[in-house]
Amino acid sequence: MSLSDRFPRFRRLAPLILILAAVVVYFEFVSPHGTEEHTLVFQFEDSPDQVTQIDTAWSELDSRESEVVGGASLYFKLGQAPRQVVTKIHAPRGTYWLDITVTRGSDRSALRQRVSLQGNAKIFIPATKP
């Protein structure tokens, strides 16, 4: 006598139990670690006329070594940088350290900001003169 003969309800419910287990595993372990697209908006408080480059790097907040997990560089011709710069990054949801270096001619200024990436929320980060 097989298990399904002894427990007829189990035979009908087994596929449903298997599907529910797969859904729980996906949402508990796979989904939270997937990368998502996030929008970063850099808003200059002063005139961006002299800005020629913006370098960004982000690292996990709880990382002991502040290991960089991503970054980007944006380049502009002198006098062509917009007051508001929009860029997209791909990273899992979470809280990160965002390091920004703005180059104005031969001057460079650095800023470190704690940011929370949640879905497609826009993050406004002021970039100012040194």
Foldseek 3Di string as FASTA:
>chain_A
DDPCVVPVVCVVCVVVVVVVVVVCCCVPPPVQFFKAKEKEKEAEPDDCQQWFKKKKWKAAPPDPVRDTPDIDMDGDDRRGDDRMDMDMDIGGFAKIWMWMWTDGPPDIDIDIDIDTTDHHDYDYDYDYDD
